[in-house]
Amino acid sequence: MKYFLLLGGLIGLFSCSEKRETTTPIRKELVEAVYSSVTIEPIDVYKVNASISGYLDEIKVKEGDFVNVGDVIFSISNKPIQLNQQNAQLNYELLKDSYSGEANLIEEMRLDLQSAKLKMQNDSLNYFRFKALFDKNACSKFEFDNSNLGYEVSKNNYKSLKKRIVRKEKELKNQIDQSKNNVNASSLRTDDYTIKSNITGKVFQLFKEKGEFVSMQEPLAILGDQNKFKLKMLIDEVDISNIEMNQKILVTLEAFKDKVFHARITKISPKMDERTQTFEIEAEFVNPPKKMYMGLTGEGNIVINEKKNAMVIPRDYLLPGNKVETANGMVKVSTGLSNWSYIEILFGISESTVIYKPE
């Protein structure tokens, strides 16, 4: 009797172990999509960099501030540059004064030229007077030669001074132009130490603190549009051929649980990133959240195909070779759309067909 009960128990256990999961096809809306993680960025976002190196002297903004185009956001210590600019300005003013101011060097030389001209004219009269006397043997040859020499010296001195004035005038003009260029160049270098915003938007992040050393390779801040945001996604190369402009994206964000937002593709990178083997795409919200923050993350499903009343089965019920196991054995089926959970069945079985989950 005990033997019979034990045997009956073993048969019962064996029968339970033979029980398998089954299902039948159902009708539902099926969406075929390409999945990617999503990162939120402001439109027109850019990293602020310095065009020179130095120590950060002032930070005019804080994170979250609104700035306009041209607003000063950083200043870098520029004491040596300021001294150079002051020296350049002083030199420029000195040269201008030498050319046309109270210390007019050209005017002074012109007065010397006038004196030289008067002396030349006087020496000329003296020469011709001695020449007339010499012709009449009324003076010695020494006196005549001496008057001639004085006239030639004063005449040469006048011509030389006249040329020196022309040369000095050109020289001063060139020096003034060069000095002005130095002032402008110094001013431009000074401007490099004042960093201004290139856009109207929000300060999303600051990377440096006052007094820190700044190099041209390091970003100082991130600025961007405070009202318009874009989505950035990385698409695997095996899926990129299915991606097109304006395709619909179903987006879920970690900050907004249980909400689905719609977006559309606005940009597809024409070149693959060889390091990640992915293509970067951008999209814009059709119905954006009321509050947006830079750096939000989530998931996006780019809709490739969708069907309202598709007959589907769970993906894990489909065997290799597009076959399913039924009470009548293996049956080959024709498939259509699919996603991570379901696959569409076009032909081969009906909604009443019971299929077994593969062991």
Foldseek 3Di string as FASTA:
>chain_A
DVVVVVVVVVVVVVVVVPDFDKAFWFWFKDFFWAKWKKFKDFPPKDFFFFPAWAFWADAPDDAFDWDAFFAWGTFGDDVVLVVQLVVLVVQLVVLVCCPDNPVPVLVVLVVVLVVLVVQLVVLVVLLVVVVVCVVVVNDDVVSNVVSVVSNVVSVVVNVVSVVVSVVVNVVSVVSNVVSVVSNVVSVVVNVSRTTTDRHGAGFNDADDDGGDIHHRVDTGTMTHHQPFMKMKTWGAPVCVVLDDFFFKKWWDWPVDPPDTWIKTWDAWAPDADPVVNTTMTMIGTPDDDPHDHGTTMTMMIGGRDMDGTFTKDFPQQADPPQWFQFPVGIWHFDWDGDYNTITGTDDTDDRPTMTGGDD
